[in-house]
Amino acid sequence: MSILDAAHNVLKAATPSAKAEAAFALHDAARLDFEIIPLSETLCDSPARSDKPKLVPPHAVKRRRLGSQEGRNSLLHAVAHIEFNAIDLAADMIARFSLDPRLHQDERPDFIRDWVKVCAEEAKHFSMIRSRLQGLGIDYGHYPAHGGLWESALKTQHDIAARLAIAPMVLEARGLDVTPNMIEKLTQVGDHESAAILNIIYEDEIGHVSIGTRWFHHVATMTNQDPRTYFRSLVTEFFQGNVKPPFNIPARDLAGLQKEYYMGLEA
């Protein structure tokens, strides 16, 4: 099986367990010598999904205070949903863009290994959060969720630069901004187990934003674009809404996402 077919298998896996297992299998396949050949079947536009969670518009997802157990369950479920979608986003990056002409042939193995690493870490995150939910007496799918993350993938499926700009450099970077506050609040109410899981996710996500930023910079350079100007134009075109402050500038800097990229886009 080619590595692109292994990535496509992640997208075709419908159940949470099967998707995580396919992501780990992709990671195992990338440890060996792998073939980079076109997919053996048509790439699906949207990944397979179970019946749960029920997908609703973003405004229909209730927000609950973290002072209650119900509120903490809801928060962890929302994080699980983000990580579940992130598995597919990483797999789709491999299956859809590894043969993009803006990547040199000798660069493609590094591109694939980077996103295989991201995919496996997202599967790890999802599995950890899901296990925590199960320990609290519920499971992923217990609450409704929204499909906004994959809507961003659909809008950028034609352009590797747009996908890199929106997925890791806007959406995952937003996680760097908000996760420390969630960790602090969970710690304050004594939920140290959940806080520890979010801290692992936070540390890994710095690396994911770094990978996205590095490959975006490469693609921009390959097309004779100024990376910062190009990023801002793509965000303006493909991202609905503003890039929200406050920004976790130290974490963004660690990821190589400098202020010149995003400052001013919040206006």
Protein backbone atom coordinates (compact mmCIF):
# COMPACT_ATOMS: atom_id res chain seq x y z
CA MET A 1 0.00 0.00 0.00
CA SER A 2 1.28 3.48 -0.81
CA ILE A 3 1.60 6.03 1.96
CA LEU A 4 -1.10 8.16 0.33
CA ASP A 5 -3.53 5.22 0.43
CA ALA A 6 -2.67 4.73 4.11
CA ALA A 7 -3.54 8.38 4.73
CA HIS A 8 -6.78 7.96 2.78
CA ASN A 9 -7.66 5.03 5.03
CA VAL A 10 -7.70 7.45 7.96
CA LEU A 11 -10.26 9.59 6.16
CA LYS A 12 -12.38 6.56 5.29
CA ALA A 13 -12.50 5.28 8.89
CA ALA A 14 -15.84 6.27 10.38
CA THR A 15 -15.78 5.27 14.03
CA PRO A 16 -13.57 7.06 16.57
CA SER A 17 -11.63 3.90 17.40
CA ALA A 18 -11.10 2.96 13.75
CA LYS A 19 -9.91 6.45 12.84
CA ALA A 20 -7.37 6.54 15.66
CA GLU A 21 -6.16 3.04 14.77
CA ALA A 22 -5.78 4.06 11.09
CA ALA A 23 -3.74 7.10 12.16
CA PHE A 24 -1.41 4.93 14.22
CA ALA A 25 -1.13 2.45 11.31
CA LEU A 26 -0.18 5.36 9.03
CA HIS A 27 2.54 6.28 11.50
CA ASP A 28 3.86 2.72 11.50
CA ALA A 29 3.87 2.65 7.68
CA ALA A 30 5.90 5.88 7.54
CA ARG A 31 8.65 4.29 9.63
CA LEU A 32 9.38 1.95 6.73
CA ASP A 33 10.35 2.72 3.16
CA PHE A 34 7.18 3.96 1.52
CA GLU A 35 5.99 4.67 -2.00
CA ILE A 36 4.73 8.11 -2.98
CA ILE A 37 2.39 7.29 -5.82
CA PRO A 38 -1.07 8.63 -6.68
CA LEU A 39 -4.05 7.33 -4.74
CA SER A 40 -5.57 4.12 -6.01
CA GLU A 41 -9.07 5.61 -5.71
CA THR A 42 -10.70 9.03 -5.76
CA LEU A 43 -9.99 11.10 -2.67
CA CYS A 44 -13.11 11.77 -0.65
CA ASP A 45 -14.05 15.42 -0.13
CA SER A 46 -15.26 14.81 3.41
CA PRO A 47 -14.18 12.10 5.86
CA ALA A 48 -16.38 9.27 7.04
CA ARG A 49 -18.26 9.93 10.27
CA SER A 50 -20.34 8.05 12.82
CA ASP A 51 -23.89 9.10 13.62
CA LYS A 52 -22.60 10.75 16.79
CA PRO A 53 -21.87 13.44 17.66
CA LYS A 54 -24.82 15.15 16.04
CA LEU A 55 -23.52 18.08 14.02
CA VAL A 56 -25.29 21.40 14.54
CA PRO A 57 -24.54 25.03 13.61
CA PRO A 58 -21.86 26.65 15.81
CA HIS A 59 -24.36 28.91 17.57
CA ALA A 60 -26.36 25.86 18.67
CA VAL A 61 -23.48 24.41 20.69
CA LYS A 62 -24.13 25.36 24.32
CA ARG A 63 -21.37 26.88 26.41
CA ARG A 64 -21.18 25.86 30.05
CA ARG A 65 -19.18 27.17 32.98
CA LEU A 66 -16.22 25.12 34.12
CA GLY A 67 -17.32 25.37 37.75
CA SER A 68 -19.72 22.47 37.19
CA GLN A 69 -18.88 18.91 36.22
CA GLU A 70 -21.30 19.21 33.32
CA GLY A 71 -19.40 22.26 32.11
CA ARG A 72 -16.06 20.48 32.34
CA ASN A 73 -17.48 17.47 30.51
CA SER A 74 -18.73 19.76 27.76
CA LEU A 75 -15.34 21.45 27.46
CA LEU A 76 -13.49 18.14 27.21
CA HIS A 77 -15.99 16.91 24.63
CA ALA A 78 -15.38 20.04 22.55
CA VAL A 79 -11.62 19.44 22.73
CA ALA A 80 -12.15 15.80 21.71
CA HIS A 81 -14.14 16.96 18.68
CA ILE A 82 -11.37 19.35 17.66
CA GLU A 83 -8.74 16.62 17.96
CA PHE A 84 -10.91 14.14 16.06
CA ASN A 85 -11.20 16.60 13.16
CA ALA A 86 -7.49 17.35 13.41
CA ILE A 87 -6.70 13.68 12.70
CA ASP A 88 -8.54 14.02 9.40
CA LEU A 89 -7.01 17.39 8.58
CA ALA A 90 -3.50 15.95 8.89
CA ALA A 91 -4.37 12.84 6.88
CA ASP A 92 -6.00 14.96 4.20
CA MET A 93 -2.88 17.13 4.02
CA ILE A 94 -0.92 14.00 3.09
CA ALA A 95 -3.43 12.42 0.73
CA ARG A 96 -4.35 15.65 -1.06
CA PHE A 97 -1.16 17.68 -1.26
CA SER A 98 1.89 15.38 -1.15
CA LEU A 99 2.13 15.39 -4.96
CA ASP A 100 1.56 19.14 -5.26
CA PRO A 101 3.94 20.60 -7.88
CA ARG A 102 5.05 23.24 -5.37
CA LEU A 103 6.84 20.47 -3.48
CA HIS A 104 10.00 19.14 -5.08
CA GLN A 105 10.13 15.38 -5.46
CA ASP A 106 12.96 15.08 -2.94
CA GLU A 107 11.02 17.19 -0.41
CA ARG A 108 7.89 15.06 -0.43
CA PRO A 109 9.09 12.38 2.03
CA ASP A 110 9.85 15.09 4.63
CA PHE A 111 6.46 16.71 4.03
CA ILE A 112 4.74 13.37 4.51
CA ARG A 113 6.70 12.44 7.63
CA ASP A 114 5.91 15.80 9.21
CA TRP A 115 2.16 15.40 8.68
CA VAL A 116 2.21 11.72 9.64
CA LYS A 117 3.70 12.85 12.96
CA VAL A 118 0.96 15.45 13.35
CA CYS A 119 -1.74 12.90 12.47
CA ALA A 120 -0.48 10.38 15.03
CA GLU A 121 -0.20 13.02 17.75
CA GLU A 122 -3.74 14.22 17.05
CA ALA A 123 -4.90 10.61 17.37
CA LYS A 124 -3.00 10.37 20.66
CA HIS A 125 -4.68 13.56 21.90
CA PHE A 126 -8.12 12.34 20.88
CA SER A 127 -7.59 8.98 22.56
CA MET A 128 -6.43 10.62 25.80
CA ILE A 129 -9.38 12.98 25.93
CA ARG A 130 -11.82 10.23 25.02
CA SER A 131 -10.43 8.02 27.78
CA ARG A 132 -10.88 10.88 30.23
CA LEU A 133 -14.49 11.37 29.10
CA GLN A 134 -15.14 7.66 29.57
CA GLY A 135 -13.68 7.89 33.06
CA LEU A 136 -16.22 10.63 33.76
CA GLY A 137 -19.08 8.42 32.61
CA ILE A 138 -19.68 9.72 29.08
CA ASP A 139 -18.12 9.18 25.65
CA TYR A 140 -17.32 11.15 22.53
CA GLY A 141 -20.64 11.78 20.83
CA HIS A 142 -22.49 12.53 24.06
CA TYR A 143 -22.97 16.22 23.15
CA PRO A 144 -23.71 17.89 19.82
CA ALA A 145 -20.79 19.44 17.98
CA HIS A 146 -20.34 21.66 14.95
CA GLY A 147 -18.71 21.00 11.58
CA GLY A 148 -16.90 24.31 11.15
CA LEU A 149 -13.44 22.78 11.14
CA TRP A 150 -14.11 20.64 8.09
CA GLU A 151 -15.86 23.51 6.34
CA SER A 152 -12.49 25.26 6.41
CA ALA A 153 -10.91 22.18 4.84
CA LEU A 154 -13.46 22.18 2.03
CA LYS A 155 -12.81 25.83 1.26
CA THR A 156 -9.06 25.23 0.98
CA GLN A 157 -9.01 21.82 -0.72
CA HIS A 158 -7.75 23.28 -4.00
CA ASP A 159 -4.66 25.07 -2.63
CA ILE A 160 -1.90 23.82 -0.35
CA ALA A 161 -0.94 27.37 0.65
CA ALA A 162 -4.51 28.22 1.69
CA ARG A 163 -4.81 24.98 3.68
CA LEU A 164 -1.52 25.61 5.50
CA ALA A 165 -2.52 29.20 6.25
CA ILE A 166 -5.95 28.37 7.66
CA ALA A 167 -5.54 24.98 9.38
CA PRO A 168 -2.28 25.14 11.36
CA MET A 169 -1.55 28.88 11.24
CA VAL A 170 -5.01 30.17 12.20
CA LEU A 171 -7.05 27.35 13.73
CA GLU A 172 -4.30 25.47 15.58
CA ALA A 173 -2.59 28.72 16.54
CA ARG A 174 -5.87 29.73 18.18
CA GLY A 175 -5.49 26.67 20.38
CA LEU A 176 -2.16 28.03 21.61
CA ASP A 177 -3.97 31.20 22.67
CA VAL A 178 -6.84 29.63 24.61
CA THR A 179 -5.47 26.39 26.06
CA PRO A 180 -3.34 27.89 28.87
CA ASN A 181 -6.43 29.59 30.31
CA MET A 182 -8.37 26.32 30.16
CA ILE A 183 -5.51 24.52 31.94
CA GLU A 184 -5.47 27.19 34.65
CA LYS A 185 -9.24 27.01 35.22
CA LEU A 186 -9.26 23.21 35.37
CA THR A 187 -6.41 23.32 37.87
CA GLN A 188 -8.27 25.86 40.00
CA VAL A 189 -11.29 23.54 40.31
CA GLY A 190 -9.07 20.55 41.12
CA ASP A 191 -9.36 18.68 37.81
CA HIS A 192 -5.64 18.03 37.57
CA GLU A 193 -6.02 14.96 35.34
CA SER A 194 -7.79 16.91 32.62
CA ALA A 195 -5.38 19.81 33.01
CA ALA A 196 -2.41 17.46 32.52
CA ILE A 197 -3.89 16.11 29.28
CA LEU A 198 -4.46 19.61 27.94
CA ASN A 199 -0.88 20.51 28.82
CA ILE A 200 0.39 17.61 26.69
CA ILE A 201 -1.83 18.75 23.83
CA TYR A 202 -0.62 22.33 24.20
CA GLU A 203 3.06 21.36 24.02
CA ASP A 204 2.49 19.19 20.94
CA GLU A 205 0.43 21.84 19.18
CA ILE A 206 3.35 24.28 19.26
CA GLY A 207 5.15 21.76 17.08
CA HIS A 208 2.16 21.42 14.76
CA VAL A 209 1.94 25.16 14.21
CA SER A 210 5.68 25.17 13.60
CA ILE A 211 5.37 22.48 10.92
CA GLY A 212 2.54 24.33 9.22
CA THR A 213 4.38 27.65 9.32
CA ARG A 214 7.58 26.14 7.94
CA TRP A 215 5.86 24.46 5.00
CA PHE A 216 3.79 27.56 4.30
CA HIS A 217 6.96 29.63 4.17
CA HIS A 218 8.45 27.09 1.76
CA VAL A 219 5.43 27.10 -0.57
CA ALA A 220 5.30 30.91 -0.54
CA THR A 221 8.98 31.10 -1.41
CA MET A 222 8.56 28.55 -4.20
CA THR A 223 5.89 30.77 -5.78
CA ASN A 224 7.89 34.01 -5.30
CA GLN A 225 5.46 35.32 -2.69
CA ASP A 226 6.32 37.29 0.42
CA PRO A 227 5.17 34.81 3.12
CA ARG A 228 3.58 37.38 5.44
CA THR A 229 1.74 39.27 2.72
CA TYR A 230 0.63 36.00 1.13
CA PHE A 231 -0.62 34.66 4.47
CA ARG A 232 -2.65 37.76 5.17
CA SER A 233 -4.25 37.70 1.73
CA LEU A 234 -5.21 34.03 2.08
CA VAL A 235 -6.68 34.54 5.55
CA THR A 236 -8.71 37.49 4.29
CA GLU A 237 -10.02 35.37 1.41
CA PHE A 238 -10.63 32.01 3.07
CA PHE A 239 -11.20 32.58 6.79
CA GLN A 240 -14.61 33.74 7.94
CA GLY A 241 -14.43 36.16 10.84
CA ASN A 242 -11.46 37.81 12.47
CA VAL A 243 -8.27 36.32 13.88
CA LYS A 244 -9.14 36.70 17.56
CA PRO A 245 -6.90 38.18 20.25
CA PRO A 246 -5.52 37.93 22.86
CA PHE A 247 -2.54 36.18 21.31
CA ASN A 248 -0.14 33.88 23.13
CA ILE A 249 2.85 35.60 21.57
CA PRO A 250 5.56 33.51 23.33
CA ALA A 251 4.02 30.23 22.09
CA ARG A 252 3.44 31.62 18.61
CA ASP A 253 7.03 32.83 18.50
CA LEU A 254 8.24 29.35 19.51
CA ALA A 255 6.29 28.01 16.54
CA GLY A 256 7.88 30.55 14.19
CA LEU A 257 4.58 32.37 13.70
CA GLN A 258 5.80 35.93 14.06
CA LYS A 259 3.59 38.89 14.90
CA GLU A 260 3.98 40.31 11.41
CA TYR A 261 1.81 37.47 10.12
CA TYR A 262 -1.31 38.07 12.19
CA MET A 263 -1.24 41.44 13.94
CA GLY A 264 -3.90 43.67 12.39
CA LEU A 265 -6.00 40.80 11.05
CA GLU A 266 -8.14 40.99 14.19
CA ALA A 267 -9.42 44.45 13.22
